């Protein structure tokens, strides 16, 4: 797999959208299920549906036509591993096809597409809504439990999978950022990549690695009715092998706000994680830098995709004004002060 951004065809190209009727036919042919209602769900690159059948409610995912079959199989194997080794984790359960397979393959306009059917997870989305300290700590705890459940899990695809969203591959964004039209934006993001290359990457490379979720954010989590506990962990589409601290950096970065206490909400997640899976000193020391890096990465990919797909610009950039403000705030505080706050929070918990 190539680090060249042009090789990331699932982000660069559109795929033929699977129609609801085609999805219903798929359910009948592959699972023997009769669909009563179907609803398309948002997704960055795949076709996703909530389907209500006579046998229950399920989640149907059909991968992008450009996604390699080995990548889809890797994600499915992760779910199967977690189901067998961490049955208490609130993750979707794979539904076997009529041929007792965890995945199906369909041909869509000549391109084979892999997919899977899983249980539909309960709970409510809290994306864009205020979070409590208890919920944030539970986010950290849930991520740590997921990480521990993946200790020892390996997969041949994981060591060759190169995702733009993986913090450890931030250097590869240089080619992407160079294509952006706005010079101020381009220079700001290049500054972040330069800092990653010179200061962060050398300290990141030796740290503990394992399979990581890659996108442990409110977009991919559900909470129960009391609002303080995680009821579902969904969407393993950015799962890869990377430094485990990167997973925590992602979760923490998405709790930063353009106003108010900048680091406080992120510290809640860090404390929850550290209580279940203690961080080593080198991970604590680099965590703030990784949070900044993820913010740069988030802006770089979304600004690039908005220029590539102007028809979806409003949706892709819906959070960017706030994220640019967050990046300005991150750059305005002392790195040493932020590192000390993280260290103090971990020691006090």
C-alpha atoms as a PDB file:
ATOM      1  CA  UNK A   1       0.000   0.000   0.000  1.00  0.00           C
ATOM      2  CA  UNK A   2       1.327   3.358  -1.055  1.00  0.00           C
ATOM      3  CA  UNK A   3       1.878   6.412   1.141  1.00  0.00           C
ATOM      4  CA  UNK A   4       1.158   8.649  -1.846  1.00  0.00           C
ATOM      5  CA  UNK A   5      -2.138  10.458  -1.132  1.00  0.00           C
ATOM      6  CA  UNK A   6      -3.289   9.628  -4.650  1.00  0.00           C
ATOM      7  CA  UNK A   7      -3.350   5.953  -3.622  1.00  0.00           C
ATOM      8  CA  UNK A   8      -6.039   6.596  -0.992  1.00  0.00           C
ATOM      9  CA  UNK A   9      -8.810   6.091  -3.482  1.00  0.00           C
ATOM     10  CA  UNK A  10     -11.557   5.589  -0.919  1.00  0.00           C
ATOM     11  CA  UNK A  11     -11.110   9.230   0.073  1.00  0.00           C
ATOM     12  CA  UNK A  12     -10.487  10.519  -3.432  1.00  0.00           C
ATOM     13  CA  UNK A  13     -13.144   8.825  -5.510  1.00  0.00           C
ATOM     14  CA  UNK A  14     -16.859   8.347  -5.286  1.00  0.00           C
ATOM     15  CA  UNK A  15     -18.455   4.928  -5.435  1.00  0.00           C
ATOM     16  CA  UNK A  16     -21.802   3.955  -6.872  1.00  0.00           C
ATOM     17  CA  UNK A  17     -24.297   4.493  -4.082  1.00  0.00           C
ATOM     18  CA  UNK A  18     -26.090   1.324  -3.044  1.00  0.00           C
ATOM     19  CA  UNK A  19     -29.823   1.900  -3.320  1.00  0.00           C
ATOM     20  CA  UNK A  20     -32.174   0.934  -0.485  1.00  0.00           C
ATOM     21  CA  UNK A  21     -33.814  -1.626  -2.780  1.00  0.00           C
ATOM     22  CA  UNK A  22     -30.432  -3.191  -3.565  1.00  0.00           C
ATOM     23  CA  UNK A  23     -29.733  -3.327   0.167  1.00  0.00           C
ATOM     24  CA  UNK A  24     -33.063  -5.078   0.759  1.00  0.00           C
ATOM     25  CA  UNK A  25     -32.269  -7.598  -1.973  1.00  0.00           C
ATOM     26  CA  UNK A  26     -28.858  -8.177  -0.400  1.00  0.00           C
ATOM     27  CA  UNK A  27     -30.415  -8.894   2.997  1.00  0.00           C
ATOM     28  CA  UNK A  28     -32.816 -11.396   1.477  1.00  0.00           C
ATOM     29  CA  UNK A  29     -30.212 -13.153  -0.684  1.00  0.00           C
ATOM     30  CA  UNK A  30     -27.326 -13.243   1.803  1.00  0.00           C
ATOM     31  CA  UNK A  31     -29.170 -13.549   5.126  1.00  0.00           C
ATOM     32  CA  UNK A  32     -32.703 -14.668   4.348  1.00  0.00           C
ATOM     33  CA  UNK A  33     -34.053 -11.567   6.056  1.00  0.00           C
ATOM     34  CA  UNK A  34     -37.193  -9.687   5.090  1.00  0.00           C
ATOM     35  CA  UNK A  35     -36.674  -5.933   5.465  1.00  0.00           C
ATOM     36  CA  UNK A  36     -39.528  -3.897   6.948  1.00  0.00           C
ATOM     37  CA  UNK A  37     -37.759  -0.519   6.908  1.00  0.00           C
ATOM     38  CA  UNK A  38     -34.367   0.828   5.934  1.00  0.00           C
ATOM     39  CA  UNK A  39     -32.572   4.090   6.675  1.00  0.00           C
ATOM     40  CA  UNK A  40     -29.316   5.312   5.165  1.00  0.00           C
ATOM     41  CA  UNK A  41     -26.749   6.465   7.738  1.00  0.00           C
ATOM     42  CA  UNK A  42     -23.920   8.948   7.219  1.00  0.00           C
ATOM     43  CA  UNK A  43     -20.464   7.627   6.427  1.00  0.00           C
ATOM     44  CA  UNK A  44     -17.193   9.019   5.113  1.00  0.00           C
ATOM     45  CA  UNK A  45     -16.717   6.437   2.360  1.00  0.00           C
ATOM     46  CA  UNK A  46     -19.010   3.388   2.780  1.00  0.00           C
ATOM     47  CA  UNK A  47     -22.718   2.682   2.353  1.00  0.00           C
ATOM     48  CA  UNK A  48     -24.314   2.272   5.792  1.00  0.00           C
ATOM     49  CA  UNK A  49     -27.883   1.365   6.637  1.00  0.00           C
ATOM     50  CA  UNK A  50     -30.039   0.797   9.696  1.00  0.00           C
ATOM     51  CA  UNK A  51     -32.365  -2.026   8.745  1.00  0.00           C
ATOM     52  CA  UNK A  52     -35.420  -3.248  10.604  1.00  0.00           C
ATOM     53  CA  UNK A  53     -36.380  -6.814   9.700  1.00  0.00           C
ATOM     54  CA  UNK A  54     -38.852  -9.379  10.920  1.00  0.00           C
ATOM     55  CA  UNK A  55     -35.960 -10.862  12.933  1.00  0.00           C
ATOM     56  CA  UNK A  56     -34.709  -7.659  14.555  1.00  0.00           C
ATOM     57  CA  UNK A  57     -32.781  -4.463  13.866  1.00  0.00           C
ATOM     58  CA  UNK A  58     -29.346  -4.614  12.253  1.00  0.00           C
ATOM     59  CA  UNK A  59     -26.558  -2.455  10.824  1.00  0.00           C
ATOM     60  CA  UNK A  60     -25.537  -3.098   7.224  1.00  0.00           C
ATOM     61  CA  UNK A  61     -22.163  -1.864   5.957  1.00  0.00           C
ATOM     62  CA  UNK A  62     -21.050  -2.194   2.349  1.00  0.00           C
ATOM     63  CA  UNK A  63     -17.455  -1.093   1.829  1.00  0.00           C
ATOM     64  CA  UNK A  64     -16.309   1.396  -0.792  1.00  0.00           C
ATOM     65  CA  UNK A  65     -15.651  -0.299  -4.138  1.00  0.00           C
ATOM     66  CA  UNK A  66     -12.017   0.850  -3.981  1.00  0.00           C
ATOM     67  CA  UNK A  67     -11.355  -0.653  -0.556  1.00  0.00           C
ATOM     68  CA  UNK A  68      -9.126  -3.713  -0.656  1.00  0.00           C
ATOM     69  CA  UNK A  69     -10.823  -6.900   0.482  1.00  0.00           C
ATOM     70  CA  UNK A  70      -8.010  -7.526   2.976  1.00  0.00           C
ATOM     71  CA  UNK A  71      -8.866  -4.264   4.756  1.00  0.00           C
ATOM     72  CA  UNK A  72     -12.527  -5.182   5.159  1.00  0.00           C
ATOM     73  CA  UNK A  73     -11.535  -8.661   6.357  1.00  0.00           C
ATOM     74  CA  UNK A  74      -9.156  -7.128   8.905  1.00  0.00           C
ATOM     75  CA  UNK A  75     -11.913  -4.984  10.404  1.00  0.00           C
ATOM     76  CA  UNK A  76     -14.252  -7.978  10.557  1.00  0.00           C
ATOM     77  CA  UNK A  77     -11.566 -10.082  12.265  1.00  0.00           C
ATOM     78  CA  UNK A  78     -11.081  -7.360  14.864  1.00  0.00           C
ATOM     79  CA  UNK A  79     -14.796  -7.491  15.708  1.00  0.00           C
ATOM     80  CA  UNK A  80     -14.705 -11.283  15.917  1.00  0.00           C
ATOM     81  CA  UNK A  81     -11.648 -11.170  18.185  1.00  0.00           C
ATOM     82  CA  UNK A  82     -13.295  -8.679  20.534  1.00  0.00           C
ATOM     83  CA  UNK A  83     -16.509 -10.694  20.645  1.00  0.00           C
ATOM     84  CA  UNK A  84     -14.528 -13.779  21.702  1.00  0.00           C
ATOM     85  CA  UNK A  85     -11.997 -12.152  24.034  1.00  0.00           C
ATOM     86  CA  UNK A  86     -13.898  -9.206  25.516  1.00  0.00           C
ATOM     87  CA  UNK A  87     -17.589 -10.168  25.518  1.00  0.00           C
ATOM     88  CA  UNK A  88     -18.454  -7.389  27.979  1.00  0.00           C
ATOM     89  CA  UNK A  89     -17.350  -4.630  25.606  1.00  0.00           C
ATOM     90  CA  UNK A  90     -20.359  -2.967  23.922  1.00  0.00           C
ATOM     91  CA  UNK A  91     -19.386  -3.654  20.318  1.00  0.00           C
ATOM     92  CA  UNK A  92     -21.478  -4.815  17.343  1.00  0.00           C
ATOM     93  CA  UNK A  93     -21.782  -8.578  16.865  1.00  0.00           C
ATOM     94  CA  UNK A  94     -21.212 -10.118  13.451  1.00  0.00           C
ATOM     95  CA  UNK A  95     -24.219 -11.831  11.843  1.00  0.00           C
ATOM     96  CA  UNK A  96     -23.237 -14.833   9.729  1.00  0.00           C
ATOM     97  CA  UNK A  97     -24.538 -15.166   6.171  1.00  0.00           C
ATOM     98  CA  UNK A  98     -26.674 -18.088   5.042  1.00  0.00           C
ATOM     99  CA  UNK A  99     -23.390 -19.757   4.073  1.00  0.00           C
ATOM    100  CA  UNK A 100     -22.031 -19.204   7.617  1.00  0.00           C
ATOM    101  CA  UNK A 101     -19.565 -16.517   6.526  1.00  0.00           C
ATOM    102  CA  UNK A 102     -18.858 -13.274   8.444  1.00  0.00           C
ATOM    103  CA  UNK A 103     -18.817 -11.216   5.229  1.00  0.00           C
ATOM    104  CA  UNK A 104     -20.482 -11.096   1.839  1.00  0.00           C
ATOM    105  CA  UNK A 105     -19.287  -9.901  -1.551  1.00  0.00           C
ATOM    106  CA  UNK A 106     -21.489  -8.161  -4.096  1.00  0.00           C
ATOM    107  CA  UNK A 107     -20.724  -6.806  -7.559  1.00  0.00           C
ATOM    108  CA  UNK A 108     -21.622  -3.159  -7.952  1.00  0.00           C
ATOM    109  CA  UNK A 109     -21.193  -1.758 -11.488  1.00  0.00           C
ATOM    110  CA  UNK A 110     -18.462  -4.294 -12.137  1.00  0.00           C
ATOM    111  CA  UNK A 111     -16.519  -3.636  -8.910  1.00  0.00           C
ATOM    112  CA  UNK A 112     -16.701  -6.235  -6.124  1.00  0.00           C
ATOM    113  CA  UNK A 113     -17.634  -4.804  -2.747  1.00  0.00           C
ATOM    114  CA  UNK A 114     -17.274  -6.536   0.600  1.00  0.00           C
ATOM    115  CA  UNK A 115     -19.561  -5.944   3.540  1.00  0.00           C
ATOM    116  CA  UNK A 116     -21.007  -7.289   6.761  1.00  0.00           C
ATOM    117  CA  UNK A 117     -24.163  -7.268   8.829  1.00  0.00           C
ATOM    118  CA  UNK A 118     -23.981  -6.662  12.565  1.00  0.00           C
ATOM    119  CA  UNK A 119     -26.300  -6.120  15.468  1.00  0.00           C
ATOM    120  CA  UNK A 120     -27.583  -2.567  15.806  1.00  0.00           C
ATOM    121  CA  UNK A 121     -26.182  -1.059  18.986  1.00  0.00           C
ATOM    122  CA  UNK A 122     -28.433   0.711  21.503  1.00  0.00           C
ATOM    123  CA  UNK A 123     -27.966   4.208  22.846  1.00  0.00           C
ATOM    124  CA  UNK A 124     -28.050   7.802  21.706  1.00  0.00           C
ATOM    125  CA  UNK A 125     -25.462   9.866  19.901  1.00  0.00           C
ATOM    126  CA  UNK A 126     -23.854  12.719  21.815  1.00  0.00           C
ATOM    127  CA  UNK A 127     -21.948  14.149  18.871  1.00  0.00           C
ATOM    128  CA  UNK A 128     -21.992  17.948  19.198  1.00  0.00           C
ATOM    129  CA  UNK A 129     -23.651  17.870  22.615  1.00  0.00           C
ATOM    130  CA  UNK A 130     -22.107  18.894  25.958  1.00  0.00           C
ATOM    131  CA  UNK A 131     -20.463  16.059  27.887  1.00  0.00           C
ATOM    132  CA  UNK A 132     -20.141  15.541  31.623  1.00  0.00           C
ATOM    133  CA  UNK A 133     -16.923  14.781  33.475  1.00  0.00           C
ATOM    134  CA  UNK A 134     -18.279  11.310  34.289  1.00  0.00           C
ATOM    135  CA  UNK A 135     -19.025  10.577  30.633  1.00  0.00           C
ATOM    136  CA  UNK A 136     -15.568  11.771  29.584  1.00  0.00           C
ATOM    137  CA  UNK A 137     -13.898   9.564  32.185  1.00  0.00           C
ATOM    138  CA  UNK A 138     -15.994   6.655  30.960  1.00  0.00           C
ATOM    139  CA  UNK A 139     -14.863   7.381  27.402  1.00  0.00           C
ATOM    140  CA  UNK A 140     -11.267   7.052  28.575  1.00  0.00           C
ATOM    141  CA  UNK A 141     -11.994   3.884  30.538  1.00  0.00           C
ATOM    142  CA  UNK A 142     -13.822   2.291  27.605  1.00  0.00           C
ATOM    143  CA  UNK A 143     -10.964   3.087  25.237  1.00  0.00           C
ATOM    144  CA  UNK A 144      -8.431   1.578  27.638  1.00  0.00           C
ATOM    145  CA  UNK A 145     -10.511  -1.597  28.002  1.00  0.00           C
ATOM    146  CA  UNK A 146     -10.745  -1.865  24.228  1.00  0.00           C
ATOM    147  CA  UNK A 147      -7.002  -1.397  23.924  1.00  0.00           C
ATOM    148  CA  UNK A 148      -6.291  -4.072  26.524  1.00  0.00           C
ATOM    149  CA  UNK A 149      -8.614  -6.480  24.733  1.00  0.00           C
ATOM    150  CA  UNK A 150      -6.474  -6.097  21.611  1.00  0.00           C
ATOM    151  CA  UNK A 151      -3.197  -6.990  23.338  1.00  0.00           C
ATOM    152  CA  UNK A 152      -1.718  -9.916  21.466  1.00  0.00           C
ATOM    153  CA  UNK A 153      -4.060  -9.616  18.486  1.00  0.00           C
ATOM    154  CA  UNK A 154      -2.234  -9.505  15.183  1.00  0.00           C
ATOM    155  CA  UNK A 155      -3.277  -9.527  11.559  1.00  0.00           C
ATOM    156  CA  UNK A 156      -1.179  -9.542   8.371  1.00  0.00           C
ATOM    157  CA  UNK A 157      -3.043  -6.569   6.936  1.00  0.00           C
ATOM    158  CA  UNK A 158      -2.448  -4.378   9.987  1.00  0.00           C
ATOM    159  CA  UNK A 159       1.297  -4.077   9.406  1.00  0.00           C
ATOM    160  CA  UNK A 160       0.810  -2.896   5.823  1.00  0.00           C
ATOM    161  CA  UNK A 161      -2.236  -0.676   6.230  1.00  0.00           C
ATOM    162  CA  UNK A 162      -1.486   2.994   5.654  1.00  0.00           C
ATOM    163  CA  UNK A 163      -4.276   5.347   6.681  1.00  0.00           C
ATOM    164  CA  UNK A 164      -4.127   9.096   6.277  1.00  0.00           C
ATOM    165  CA  UNK A 165      -5.927   9.398   9.626  1.00  0.00           C
ATOM    166  CA  UNK A 166      -3.160   7.553  11.507  1.00  0.00           C
ATOM    167  CA  UNK A 167      -1.202  10.112  13.562  1.00  0.00           C
ATOM    168  CA  UNK A 168       2.049   8.202  13.039  1.00  0.00           C
ATOM    169  CA  UNK A 169       1.758   8.919   9.291  1.00  0.00           C
ATOM    170  CA  UNK A 170       1.281  12.667   9.589  1.00  0.00           C
ATOM    171  CA  UNK A 171       4.416  13.229   7.471  1.00  0.00           C
ATOM    172  CA  UNK A 172       2.546  11.872   4.438  1.00  0.00           C
ATOM    173  CA  UNK A 173       0.150  14.841   4.622  1.00  0.00           C
ATOM    174  CA  UNK A 174       2.845  17.153   3.285  1.00  0.00           C
ATOM    175  CA  UNK A 175       1.847  16.389  -0.327  1.00  0.00           C
ATOM    176  CA  UNK A 176      -1.812  16.962   0.495  1.00  0.00           C
ATOM    177  CA  UNK A 177      -1.249  20.285   2.235  1.00  0.00           C
ATOM    178  CA  UNK A 178       0.930  21.517  -0.640  1.00  0.00           C
ATOM    179  CA  UNK A 179      -2.121  21.402  -2.918  1.00  0.00           C
ATOM    180  CA  UNK A 180      -4.292  23.684  -0.742  1.00  0.00           C
ATOM    181  CA  UNK A 181      -5.110  27.022  -2.360  1.00  0.00           C
ATOM    182  CA  UNK A 182      -5.083  29.273   0.702  1.00  0.00           C
ATOM    183  CA  UNK A 183      -1.443  30.213   1.466  1.00  0.00           C
ATOM    184  CA  UNK A 184      -2.082  31.109   5.113  1.00  0.00           C
ATOM    185  CA  UNK A 185      -3.842  27.807   5.704  1.00  0.00           C
ATOM    186  CA  UNK A 186      -1.120  25.936   3.838  1.00  0.00           C
ATOM    187  CA  UNK A 187       1.669  27.570   5.863  1.00  0.00           C
ATOM    188  CA  UNK A 188      -0.078  26.967   9.182  1.00  0.00           C
ATOM    189  CA  UNK A 189      -0.584  23.271   8.488  1.00  0.00           C
ATOM    190  CA  UNK A 190       2.942  22.854   7.124  1.00  0.00           C
ATOM    191  CA  UNK A 191       4.207  24.324  10.384  1.00  0.00           C
ATOM    192  CA  UNK A 192       2.389  21.561  12.225  1.00  0.00           C
ATOM    193  CA  UNK A 193       3.811  18.851   9.974  1.00  0.00           C
ATOM    194  CA  UNK A 194       7.322  20.279  10.333  1.00  0.00           C
ATOM    195  CA  UNK A 195       6.975  20.215  14.100  1.00  0.00           C
ATOM    196  CA  UNK A 196       5.765  16.611  13.981  1.00  0.00           C
ATOM    197  CA  UNK A 197       8.699  15.535  11.822  1.00  0.00           C
ATOM    198  CA  UNK A 198      11.360  17.267  13.889  1.00  0.00           C
ATOM    199  CA  UNK A 199      10.074  16.978  17.462  1.00  0.00           C
ATOM    200  CA  UNK A 200       7.333  14.395  17.722  1.00  0.00           C
ATOM    201  CA  UNK A 201       8.073  11.508  15.376  1.00  0.00           C
ATOM    202  CA  UNK A 202      11.493  10.599  16.832  1.00  0.00           C
ATOM    203  CA  UNK A 203       9.908  10.250  20.306  1.00  0.00           C
ATOM    204  CA  UNK A 204       6.803   8.503  19.004  1.00  0.00           C
ATOM    205  CA  UNK A 205       8.431   5.685  17.049  1.00  0.00           C
ATOM    206  CA  UNK A 206       9.787   3.697  20.057  1.00  0.00           C
ATOM    207  CA  UNK A 207       6.503   3.731  22.011  1.00  0.00           C
ATOM    208  CA  UNK A 208       4.169   0.749  22.586  1.00  0.00           C
ATOM    209  CA  UNK A 209       2.262  -0.388  19.518  1.00  0.00           C
ATOM    210  CA  UNK A 210      -0.857  -2.481  19.056  1.00  0.00           C
ATOM    211  CA  UNK A 211      -4.073  -2.512  17.043  1.00  0.00           C
ATOM    212  CA  UNK A 212      -5.929   0.770  17.702  1.00  0.00           C
ATOM    213  CA  UNK A 213      -9.494   1.890  16.997  1.00  0.00           C
ATOM    214  CA  UNK A 214      -8.243   5.075  15.343  1.00  0.00           C
ATOM    215  CA  UNK A 215     -11.368   7.218  15.708  1.00  0.00           C
ATOM    216  CA  UNK A 216     -12.634   6.925  19.279  1.00  0.00           C
ATOM    217  CA  UNK A 217     -14.792  10.045  19.179  1.00  0.00           C
ATOM    218  CA  UNK A 218     -18.423  11.005  19.753  1.00  0.00           C
ATOM    219  CA  UNK A 219     -19.126  10.197  16.098  1.00  0.00           C
ATOM    220  CA  UNK A 220     -18.443   6.544  16.858  1.00  0.00           C
ATOM    221  CA  UNK A 221     -19.760   6.196  20.403  1.00  0.00           C
ATOM    222  CA  UNK A 222     -23.241   5.959  21.901  1.00  0.00           C
ATOM    223  CA  UNK A 223     -24.291   6.740  25.441  1.00  0.00           C
ATOM    224  CA  UNK A 224     -27.007   5.171  27.567  1.00  0.00           C
ATOM    225  CA  UNK A 225     -30.110   7.069  28.745  1.00  0.00           C
ATOM    226  CA  UNK A 226     -28.422   8.362  31.933  1.00  0.00           C
ATOM    227  CA  UNK A 227     -25.917  10.119  29.686  1.00  0.00           C
ATOM    228  CA  UNK A 228     -22.829   9.089  31.657  1.00  0.00           C
ATOM    229  CA  UNK A 229     -21.936   5.646  30.304  1.00  0.00           C
ATOM    230  CA  UNK A 230     -20.835   4.337  26.919  1.00  0.00           C
ATOM    231  CA  UNK A 231     -23.440   1.930  25.557  1.00  0.00           C
ATOM    232  CA  UNK A 232     -21.830   1.240  22.177  1.00  0.00           C
ATOM    233  CA  UNK A 233     -18.490   1.451  20.382  1.00  0.00           C
ATOM    234  CA  UNK A 234     -19.052   1.496  16.634  1.00  0.00           C
ATOM    235  CA  UNK A 235     -17.275   2.027  13.308  1.00  0.00           C
ATOM    236  CA  UNK A 236     -13.921   0.256  13.186  1.00  0.00           C
ATOM    237  CA  UNK A 237     -13.169   1.700   9.746  1.00  0.00           C
ATOM    238  CA  UNK A 238      -9.981   3.491  10.862  1.00  0.00           C
ATOM    239  CA  UNK A 239      -8.583   0.536  12.799  1.00  0.00           C
ATOM    240  CA  UNK A 240      -4.880  -0.040  12.178  1.00  0.00           C
ATOM    241  CA  UNK A 241      -1.628  -0.873  13.943  1.00  0.00           C
ATOM    242  CA  UNK A 242      -0.052   2.193  15.522  1.00  0.00           C
ATOM    243  CA  UNK A 243       1.283   3.515  18.806  1.00  0.00           C
ATOM    244  CA  UNK A 244      -1.421   2.933  21.391  1.00  0.00           C
ATOM    245  CA  UNK A 245      -1.008   6.463  22.772  1.00  0.00           C
ATOM    246  CA  UNK A 246      -2.300   7.766  19.424  1.00  0.00           C
ATOM    247  CA  UNK A 247      -5.740   6.347  20.227  1.00  0.00           C
ATOM    248  CA  UNK A 248      -5.880   8.366  23.438  1.00  0.00           C
ATOM    249  CA  UNK A 249      -4.658  11.492  21.643  1.00  0.00           C
ATOM    250  CA  UNK A 250      -7.552  11.190  19.170  1.00  0.00           C
ATOM    251  CA  UNK A 251     -10.157  10.826  21.911  1.00  0.00           C
ATOM    252  CA  UNK A 252      -8.710  13.740  23.882  1.00  0.00           C
ATOM    253  CA  UNK A 253      -8.337  16.045  20.864  1.00  0.00           C
ATOM    254  CA  UNK A 254     -12.025  15.869  20.016  1.00  0.00           C
ATOM    255  CA  UNK A 255     -13.017  17.139  23.471  1.00  0.00           C
ATOM    256  CA  UNK A 256     -11.161  20.442  23.014  1.00  0.00           C
ATOM    257  CA  UNK A 257     -13.364  23.511  22.671  1.00  0.00           C
ATOM    258  CA  UNK A 258     -12.653  26.987  21.249  1.00  0.00           C
ATOM    259  CA  UNK A 259     -13.789  28.673  24.495  1.00  0.00           C
ATOM    260  CA  UNK A 260     -13.626  27.898  28.195  1.00  0.00           C
ATOM    261  CA  UNK A 261     -11.257  25.449  29.845  1.00  0.00           C
ATOM    262  CA  UNK A 262      -9.115  24.128  26.996  1.00  0.00           C
ATOM    263  CA  UNK A 263      -7.494  21.041  28.495  1.00  0.00           C
ATOM    264  CA  UNK A 264      -9.899  20.210  31.326  1.00  0.00           C
ATOM    265  CA  UNK A 265     -12.309  18.020  29.320  1.00  0.00           C
ATOM    266  CA  UNK A 266      -9.416  16.199  27.634  1.00  0.00           C
ATOM    267  CA  UNK A 267      -7.844  15.548  31.039  1.00  0.00           C
ATOM    268  CA  UNK A 268     -11.011  13.735  32.132  1.00  0.00           C
ATOM    269  CA  UNK A 269     -10.575  11.271  29.256  1.00  0.00           C
ATOM    270  CA  UNK A 270      -6.863  10.878  29.999  1.00  0.00           C
ATOM    271  CA  UNK A 271      -7.545  10.209  33.698  1.00  0.00           C
ATOM    272  CA  UNK A 272     -10.163   7.577  32.850  1.00  0.00           C
ATOM    273  CA  UNK A 273      -7.801   5.851  30.436  1.00  0.00           C
ATOM    274  CA  UNK A 274      -4.830   5.941  32.798  1.00  0.00           C
ATOM    275  CA  UNK A 275      -6.905   4.412  35.608  1.00  0.00           C
ATOM    276  CA  UNK A 276      -7.449   1.272  33.530  1.00  0.00           C
ATOM    277  CA  UNK A 277      -4.238   1.192  31.496  1.00  0.00           C
ATOM    278  CA  UNK A 278      -1.443   3.210  33.138  1.00  0.00           C
ATOM    279  CA  UNK A 279       0.647   5.312  30.816  1.00  0.00           C
ATOM    280  CA  UNK A 280       4.432   5.274  30.924  1.00  0.00           C
ATOM    281  CA  UNK A 281       6.329   8.538  31.339  1.00  0.00           C
ATOM    282  CA  UNK A 282       7.332   8.753  27.678  1.00  0.00           C
ATOM    283  CA  UNK A 283       3.685   8.518  26.640  1.00  0.00           C
ATOM    284  CA  UNK A 284       2.638  11.207  29.113  1.00  0.00           C
ATOM    285  CA  UNK A 285       5.426  13.487  27.874  1.00  0.00           C
ATOM    286  CA  UNK A 286       4.367  13.248  24.223  1.00  0.00           C
ATOM    287  CA  UNK A 287       0.597  13.222  24.621  1.00  0.00           C
ATOM    288  CA  UNK A 288       0.054  16.975  24.307  1.00  0.00           C
ATOM    289  CA  UNK A 289       2.136  17.068  21.110  1.00  0.00           C
ATOM    290  CA  UNK A 290       0.042  14.237  19.683  1.00  0.00           C
ATOM    291  CA  UNK A 291      -3.180  16.086  20.524  1.00  0.00           C
ATOM    292  CA  UNK A 292      -1.867  19.097  18.595  1.00  0.00           C
ATOM    293  CA  UNK A 293      -0.812  16.821  15.732  1.00  0.00           C
ATOM    294  CA  UNK A 294      -4.240  15.221  15.503  1.00  0.00           C
ATOM    295  CA  UNK A 295      -5.813  18.681  15.299  1.00  0.00           C
ATOM    296  CA  UNK A 296      -3.478  19.589  12.429  1.00  0.00           C
ATOM    297  CA  UNK A 297      -4.205  16.271  10.716  1.00  0.00           C
ATOM    298  CA  UNK A 298      -7.951  16.755  11.086  1.00  0.00           C
ATOM    299  CA  UNK A 299      -7.807  20.168   9.448  1.00  0.00           C
ATOM    300  CA  UNK A 300      -5.449  19.072   6.678  1.00  0.00           C
ATOM    301  CA  UNK A 301      -7.548  16.117   5.527  1.00  0.00           C
ATOM    302  CA  UNK A 302     -10.895  17.899   5.691  1.00  0.00           C
ATOM    303  CA  UNK A 303      -9.659  21.045   3.918  1.00  0.00           C
ATOM    304  CA  UNK A 304      -8.102  18.855   1.214  1.00  0.00           C
ATOM    305  CA  UNK A 305     -11.257  16.780   0.775  1.00  0.00           C
ATOM    306  CA  UNK A 306     -13.397  19.929   0.597  1.00  0.00           C
ATOM    307  CA  UNK A 307     -11.305  21.186  -2.321  1.00  0.00           C
ATOM    308  CA  UNK A 308     -11.526  17.797  -4.035  1.00  0.00           C
ATOM    309  CA  UNK A 309     -15.290  17.485  -3.505  1.00  0.00           C
ATOM    310  CA  UNK A 310     -16.712  21.037  -3.471  1.00  0.00           C
ATOM    311  CA  UNK A 311     -20.269  19.689  -3.685  1.00  0.00           C
ATOM    312  CA  UNK A 312     -19.795  18.283  -0.149  1.00  0.00           C
ATOM    313  CA  UNK A 313     -17.807  21.231   1.155  1.00  0.00           C
ATOM    314  CA  UNK A 314     -20.373  22.430   3.684  1.00  0.00           C
ATOM    315  CA  UNK A 315     -20.658  18.998   5.290  1.00  0.00           C
ATOM    316  CA  UNK A 316     -16.927  18.236   5.278  1.00  0.00           C
ATOM    317  CA  UNK A 317     -15.997  21.618   6.768  1.00  0.00           C
ATOM    318  CA  UNK A 318     -18.889  21.917   9.225  1.00  0.00           C
ATOM    319  CA  UNK A 319     -16.596  21.734  12.272  1.00  0.00           C
ATOM    320  CA  UNK A 320     -13.498  23.415  10.864  1.00  0.00           C
ATOM    321  CA  UNK A 321     -14.063  27.000  12.065  1.00  0.00           C
ATOM    322  CA  UNK A 322     -14.116  25.705  15.650  1.00  0.00           C
ATOM    323  CA  UNK A 323     -11.166  23.389  15.010  1.00  0.00           C
ATOM    324  CA  UNK A 324      -9.028  26.235  13.655  1.00  0.00           C
ATOM    325  CA  UNK A 325      -9.809  28.185  16.838  1.00  0.00           C
ATOM    326  CA  UNK A 326      -8.782  25.164  18.912  1.00  0.00           C
ATOM    327  CA  UNK A 327      -5.482  24.920  17.047  1.00  0.00           C
ATOM    328  CA  UNK A 328      -4.783  28.615  17.709  1.00  0.00           C
ATOM    329  CA  UNK A 329      -5.458  28.051  21.427  1.00  0.00           C
ATOM    330  CA  UNK A 330      -3.227  24.975  21.533  1.00  0.00           C
ATOM    331  CA  UNK A 331      -0.384  26.949  19.991  1.00  0.00           C
ATOM    332  CA  UNK A 332      -0.848  29.802  22.439  1.00  0.00           C
ATOM    333  CA  UNK A 333      -0.171  27.784  25.595  1.00  0.00           C
ATOM    334  CA  UNK A 334       3.130  26.564  26.933  1.00  0.00           C
ATOM    335  CA  UNK A 335       3.978  22.991  25.924  1.00  0.00           C
ATOM    336  CA  UNK A 336       5.699  22.482  29.257  1.00  0.00           C
ATOM    337  CA  UNK A 337       2.642  23.740  31.137  1.00  0.00           C
ATOM    338  CA  UNK A 338       0.345  21.390  29.213  1.00  0.00           C
ATOM    339  CA  UNK A 339       2.652  18.429  29.798  1.00  0.00           C
ATOM    340  CA  UNK A 340       2.715  19.202  33.506  1.00  0.00           C
ATOM    341  CA  UNK A 341      -1.088  19.397  33.667  1.00  0.00           C
ATOM    342  CA  UNK A 342      -1.350  15.971  32.047  1.00  0.00           C
ATOM    343  CA  UNK A 343       1.259  14.528  34.407  1.00  0.00           C
ATOM    344  CA  UNK A 344      -0.447  15.999  37.467  1.00  0.00           C
ATOM    345  CA  UNK A 345      -3.828  14.643  36.384  1.00  0.00           C
ATOM    346  CA  UNK A 346      -2.408  11.157  35.912  1.00  0.00           C
ATOM    347  CA  UNK A 347      -0.679  11.216  39.301  1.00  0.00           C
ATOM    348  CA  UNK A 348      -3.718  12.548  41.139  1.00  0.00           C
ATOM    349  CA  UNK A 349      -6.154   9.948  39.807  1.00  0.00           C
END
